[in-house]
Amino acid sequence: MKQLQRVICPPEQHKPGLTGLLGLNHLIGFAGLLALVLGLPAHAFAAEAPVPEPETYWASAYPYSGAAPVGVSTHQALSQNRFDTAMFYRITREPLILQALTLLPGTDGEKSLKWLIETPARVVFKRMAELSPSVKDFDALSYIGANGQHMVFINEIHRNAPPEALAALLAHEALHQDAQNSIQEEITAWTLEARVWQQLQARTPTPASQSALVYRMNQLANALEAGQIADLVQRNAGYSGLPAHSAGFTH
């Protein structure tokens, strides 16, 4: 178990209609372990929380194939923007998440999808309380182990969320690929999430929904239209200690 610095979201922030604008927080532990937490309410506060080693889940709870590096043929297909079901199965076996992944080709989130496939990352729904009672209300957690294994847990309360919302959320998540974070990285990730949501809505508008993730996406899209994404990130207390820039996010 590692002691990780984290940001807690009050439970009421996760109820439909009360989600507000949520962001992405890094939870950084030892030996290169990175935890990214989706959810930045206005009144977040820092605390210590024990979280199991991701390797435990990778090796035992989710033993199906997918951890091996991708082959030459997969790299070639991705370079030609060709995707198939086998690629998505490297990431997840959850039907709704699979559906979400199939929506990313042709959007600004396509690069995120390629990274998830090539890493490869593992994405699953999870009852967060099984990780730790203190993270039970998080929307998602992402771990990068010392050996590079990357896992993303999505709170099981989102099992009925529209796949479009999950797709946009994953596009954001996949931008955080190392233990470094910055204000510019968060601005870029929030902007990407909003753009992917807008692009998917332009394809097929999502019906009215009480989903907390849909509320989140609509709030982000409104902020993007108003040119307020950067301001929201810069004023977010959860990011107050971040540097202005990080590797790959210099402007």
Protein backbone atom coordinates (compact mmCIF):
# COMPACT_ATOMS: atom_id res chain seq x y z
CA MET A 1 0.00 0.00 0.00
CA LYS A 2 1.28 3.44 -0.86
CA GLN A 3 0.44 6.67 0.91
CA LEU A 4 -0.69 9.07 -1.79
CA GLN A 5 -1.39 12.77 -1.62
CA ARG A 6 -4.84 13.23 -3.02
CA VAL A 7 -7.74 15.62 -3.39
CA ILE A 8 -11.14 14.62 -2.00
CA CYS A 9 -14.41 15.53 -3.68
CA PRO A 10 -17.38 15.98 -1.33
CA PRO A 11 -19.99 13.27 -2.09
CA GLU A 12 -22.69 15.79 -2.97
CA GLN A 13 -20.55 17.04 -5.84
CA HIS A 14 -21.17 13.77 -7.65
CA LYS A 15 -24.95 13.85 -7.68
CA PRO A 16 -26.62 14.61 -11.05
CA GLY A 17 -27.13 18.34 -11.36
CA LEU A 18 -24.55 19.13 -8.66
CA THR A 19 -21.42 17.85 -10.30
CA GLY A 20 -20.14 21.26 -11.35
CA LEU A 21 -16.98 21.68 -13.35
CA LEU A 22 -14.67 18.81 -12.54
CA GLY A 23 -11.04 18.52 -13.52
CA LEU A 24 -8.18 16.08 -13.24
CA ASN A 25 -5.88 15.82 -10.23
CA HIS A 26 -2.60 14.00 -10.01
CA LEU A 27 -1.99 11.77 -7.03
CA ILE A 28 1.73 11.13 -6.91
CA GLY A 29 3.24 8.35 -4.79
CA PHE A 30 6.65 6.67 -4.68
CA ALA A 31 8.64 4.72 -7.31
CA GLY A 32 6.97 6.52 -10.19
CA LEU A 33 3.42 5.65 -9.11
CA LEU A 34 0.97 8.18 -10.45
CA ALA A 35 -2.69 8.48 -9.61
CA LEU A 36 -4.86 10.86 -11.56
CA VAL A 37 -8.18 11.79 -9.97
CA LEU A 38 -11.07 13.11 -11.98
CA GLY A 39 -13.09 15.57 -9.96
CA LEU A 40 -12.26 19.04 -8.73
CA PRO A 41 -15.12 20.67 -6.81
CA ALA A 42 -14.89 24.15 -5.41
CA HIS A 43 -14.16 22.95 -1.87
CA ALA A 44 -11.62 20.17 -2.34
CA PHE A 45 -9.12 19.52 0.41
CA ALA A 46 -5.90 17.56 0.63
CA ALA A 47 -5.47 14.36 2.65
CA GLU A 48 -3.48 11.15 2.82
CA ALA A 49 -5.06 7.97 1.45
CA PRO A 50 -3.71 4.41 1.14
CA VAL A 51 -4.22 2.94 -2.32
CA PRO A 52 -3.26 -0.62 -3.34
CA GLU A 53 -0.42 -1.16 -5.76
CA PRO A 54 -1.73 -1.16 -9.35
CA GLU A 55 0.35 -4.24 -10.16
CA THR A 56 -1.89 -6.21 -7.79
CA TYR A 57 -4.91 -5.43 -9.93
CA TRP A 58 -3.08 -5.83 -13.20
CA ALA A 59 -1.75 -9.29 -12.40
CA SER A 60 -4.61 -10.82 -10.43
CA ALA A 61 -7.92 -8.99 -10.72
CA TYR A 62 -7.60 -8.43 -14.48
CA PRO A 63 -5.45 -11.31 -15.77
CA TYR A 64 -6.68 -11.42 -19.39
CA SER A 65 -4.17 -10.62 -22.12
CA GLY A 66 -3.39 -7.05 -23.04
CA ALA A 67 -0.26 -6.12 -21.12
CA ALA A 68 2.14 -7.19 -23.87
CA PRO A 69 3.57 -4.51 -26.20
CA VAL A 70 1.71 -4.03 -29.46
CA GLY A 71 3.11 -5.66 -32.57
CA VAL A 72 4.38 -4.12 -35.78
CA SER A 73 1.10 -4.75 -37.59
CA THR A 74 -0.84 -2.85 -34.92
CA HIS A 75 1.56 0.09 -35.10
CA GLN A 76 1.17 0.14 -38.88
CA ALA A 77 -2.62 0.04 -38.65
CA LEU A 78 -2.68 2.87 -36.12
CA SER A 79 -0.34 4.96 -38.27
CA GLN A 80 -2.97 4.62 -41.01
CA ASN A 81 -5.80 5.45 -38.60
CA ARG A 82 -7.22 1.94 -38.83
CA PHE A 83 -8.79 0.46 -35.71
CA ASP A 84 -10.35 -2.90 -34.92
CA THR A 85 -12.07 -4.64 -32.02
CA ALA A 86 -8.93 -6.52 -31.01
CA MET A 87 -7.22 -3.20 -30.32
CA PHE A 88 -10.02 -2.08 -28.03
CA TYR A 89 -9.93 -5.43 -26.22
CA ARG A 90 -6.36 -4.60 -25.23
CA ILE A 91 -7.82 -1.76 -23.16
CA THR A 92 -11.02 -3.17 -21.67
CA ARG A 93 -13.65 -5.89 -21.70
CA GLU A 94 -16.38 -3.59 -20.38
CA PRO A 95 -19.08 -3.31 -23.11
CA LEU A 96 -19.90 0.35 -22.42
CA ILE A 97 -16.24 1.38 -22.34
CA LEU A 98 -15.65 -0.57 -25.56
CA GLN A 99 -18.50 1.39 -27.11
CA ALA A 100 -16.98 4.65 -25.87
CA LEU A 101 -13.61 3.79 -27.41
CA THR A 102 -15.19 3.15 -30.80
CA LEU A 103 -16.44 6.75 -30.81
CA LEU A 104 -13.00 8.37 -30.58
CA PRO A 105 -11.70 7.75 -34.14
CA GLY A 106 -12.27 10.85 -36.21
CA THR A 107 -12.37 13.15 -33.17
CA ASP A 108 -9.67 15.21 -31.51
CA GLY A 109 -9.46 12.31 -29.04
CA GLU A 110 -8.09 9.91 -31.65
CA LYS A 111 -4.52 10.52 -30.50
CA SER A 112 -5.57 9.68 -26.94
CA LEU A 113 -7.09 6.42 -28.20
CA LYS A 114 -3.87 5.48 -29.97
CA TRP A 115 -1.92 6.10 -26.79
CA LEU A 116 -4.31 3.92 -24.75
CA ILE A 117 -3.86 1.10 -27.26
CA GLU A 118 -0.10 1.35 -27.63
CA THR A 119 0.72 1.76 -23.94
CA PRO A 120 -1.40 -0.43 -23.39
CA ALA A 121 -3.64 1.00 -20.68
CA ARG A 122 -6.38 -0.97 -18.94
CA VAL A 123 -9.75 0.71 -18.31
CA VAL A 124 -12.41 -0.85 -16.07
CA PHE A 125 -15.40 0.15 -13.99
CA LYS A 126 -14.69 -0.18 -10.30
CA ARG A 127 -16.46 0.16 -6.98
CA MET A 128 -14.09 2.77 -5.65
CA ALA A 129 -14.64 1.86 -2.00
CA GLU A 130 -12.88 -1.44 -2.73
CA LEU A 131 -9.72 0.55 -3.40
CA SER A 132 -10.14 2.70 -0.31
CA PRO A 133 -13.17 4.16 1.50
CA SER A 134 -11.59 7.58 1.08
CA VAL A 135 -11.80 7.42 -2.73
CA LYS A 136 -15.30 5.95 -2.97
CA ASP A 137 -16.76 9.12 -4.52
CA PHE A 138 -14.08 9.76 -7.13
CA ASP A 139 -15.20 9.65 -10.76
CA ALA A 140 -12.02 7.88 -11.82
CA LEU A 141 -8.52 6.93 -10.74
CA SER A 142 -5.56 6.25 -12.98
CA TYR A 143 -2.32 4.56 -11.92
CA ILE A 144 1.05 4.30 -13.58
CA GLY A 145 3.26 1.72 -11.88
CA ALA A 146 7.05 1.78 -11.73
CA ASN A 147 7.13 -0.76 -14.58
CA GLY A 148 4.94 1.46 -16.76
CA GLN A 149 1.69 -0.45 -16.34
CA HIS A 150 -1.19 1.98 -16.59
CA MET A 151 -4.69 1.35 -15.23
CA VAL A 152 -7.76 3.54 -15.22
CA PHE A 153 -10.62 2.83 -12.81
CA ILE A 154 -13.93 4.52 -13.62
CA ASN A 155 -16.42 4.76 -10.78
CA GLU A 156 -19.12 2.14 -11.27
CA ILE A 157 -21.80 4.80 -10.65
CA HIS A 158 -21.11 5.78 -14.26
CA ARG A 159 -22.01 2.36 -15.67
CA ASN A 160 -25.14 3.93 -17.18
CA ALA A 161 -23.47 7.08 -18.47
CA PRO A 162 -23.73 7.72 -22.22
CA PRO A 163 -20.69 6.36 -24.05
CA GLU A 164 -20.09 9.80 -25.54
CA ALA A 165 -19.43 11.21 -22.06
CA LEU A 166 -17.08 8.35 -21.22
CA ALA A 167 -15.25 8.82 -24.52
CA ALA A 168 -14.61 12.50 -23.81
CA LEU A 169 -13.47 11.72 -20.28
CA LEU A 170 -11.01 9.09 -21.55
CA ALA A 171 -9.63 11.51 -24.13
CA HIS A 172 -8.74 13.83 -21.24
CA GLU A 173 -7.39 11.02 -19.05
CA ALA A 174 -5.01 9.75 -21.70
CA LEU A 175 -3.17 13.07 -21.91
CA HIS A 176 -1.70 12.49 -18.44
CA GLN A 177 1.05 10.04 -19.33
CA ASP A 178 3.71 10.61 -16.68
CA ALA A 179 4.20 11.85 -13.13
CA GLN A 180 4.47 15.48 -14.21
CA ASN A 181 1.53 17.87 -14.39
CA SER A 182 1.10 21.57 -14.99
CA ILE A 183 -1.45 24.31 -15.42
CA GLN A 184 -0.95 24.21 -19.19
CA GLU A 185 -1.38 20.43 -19.24
CA GLU A 186 -4.70 20.73 -17.42
CA ILE A 187 -5.87 23.53 -19.70
CA THR A 188 -5.04 21.34 -22.68
CA ALA A 189 -6.78 18.29 -21.18
CA TRP A 190 -9.94 20.17 -20.19
CA THR A 191 -10.09 21.78 -23.63
CA LEU A 192 -9.68 18.41 -25.34
CA GLU A 193 -12.43 16.86 -23.24
CA ALA A 194 -14.83 19.68 -24.13
CA ARG A 195 -13.96 19.54 -27.82
CA VAL A 196 -14.42 15.78 -28.05
CA TRP A 197 -17.81 16.11 -26.34
CA GLN A 198 -18.83 18.82 -28.81
CA GLN A 199 -17.68 16.75 -31.77
CA LEU A 200 -19.61 13.70 -30.61
CA GLN A 201 -22.70 15.80 -30.01
CA ALA A 202 -22.43 17.15 -33.52
CA ARG A 203 -22.51 13.56 -34.80
CA THR A 204 -25.42 12.36 -32.70
CA PRO A 205 -26.79 14.54 -29.88
CA THR A 206 -27.05 12.68 -26.59
CA PRO A 207 -30.65 12.53 -25.32
CA ALA A 208 -31.50 14.44 -22.14
CA SER A 209 -29.85 12.64 -19.25
CA GLN A 210 -29.52 12.85 -15.48
CA SER A 211 -25.97 11.50 -15.75
CA ALA A 212 -23.42 13.44 -13.71
CA LEU A 213 -20.94 12.99 -16.55
CA VAL A 214 -23.30 14.58 -19.06
CA TYR A 215 -23.74 17.55 -16.74
CA ARG A 216 -19.96 17.80 -16.48
CA MET A 217 -19.51 17.69 -20.25
CA ASN A 218 -22.12 20.36 -20.89
CA GLN A 219 -20.51 22.64 -18.30
CA LEU A 220 -17.10 22.16 -19.89
CA ALA A 221 -18.49 22.82 -23.36
CA ASN A 222 -20.12 26.03 -22.14
CA ALA A 223 -16.85 27.13 -20.58
CA LEU A 224 -14.99 26.41 -23.81
CA GLU A 225 -17.48 28.45 -25.83
CA ALA A 226 -17.07 31.33 -23.38
CA GLY A 227 -13.28 31.13 -23.49
CA GLN A 228 -13.15 30.34 -19.77
CA ILE A 229 -11.30 27.01 -19.63
CA ALA A 230 -7.92 28.57 -18.81
CA ASP A 231 -9.45 30.80 -16.17
CA LEU A 232 -11.25 27.87 -14.55
CA VAL A 233 -8.06 25.83 -14.34
CA GLN A 234 -5.97 28.72 -13.05
CA ARG A 235 -8.51 29.54 -10.33
CA ASN A 236 -8.97 25.93 -9.26
CA ALA A 237 -7.57 25.43 -5.76
CA GLY A 238 -6.61 21.84 -6.59
CA TYR A 239 -4.04 23.12 -9.10
CA SER A 240 -2.58 25.90 -6.95
CA GLY A 241 0.76 24.13 -6.52
CA LEU A 242 1.29 23.14 -10.14
CA PRO A 243 4.03 24.67 -12.29
CA ALA A 244 3.02 26.67 -15.33
CA HIS A 245 4.33 24.05 -17.78
CA SER A 246 5.31 20.39 -17.99
CA ALA A 247 6.99 18.23 -20.62
CA GLY A 248 5.02 18.44 -23.85
CA PHE A 249 2.83 21.28 -22.57
CA THR A 250 4.88 24.44 -22.93
CA HIS A 251 2.26 26.72 -24.45
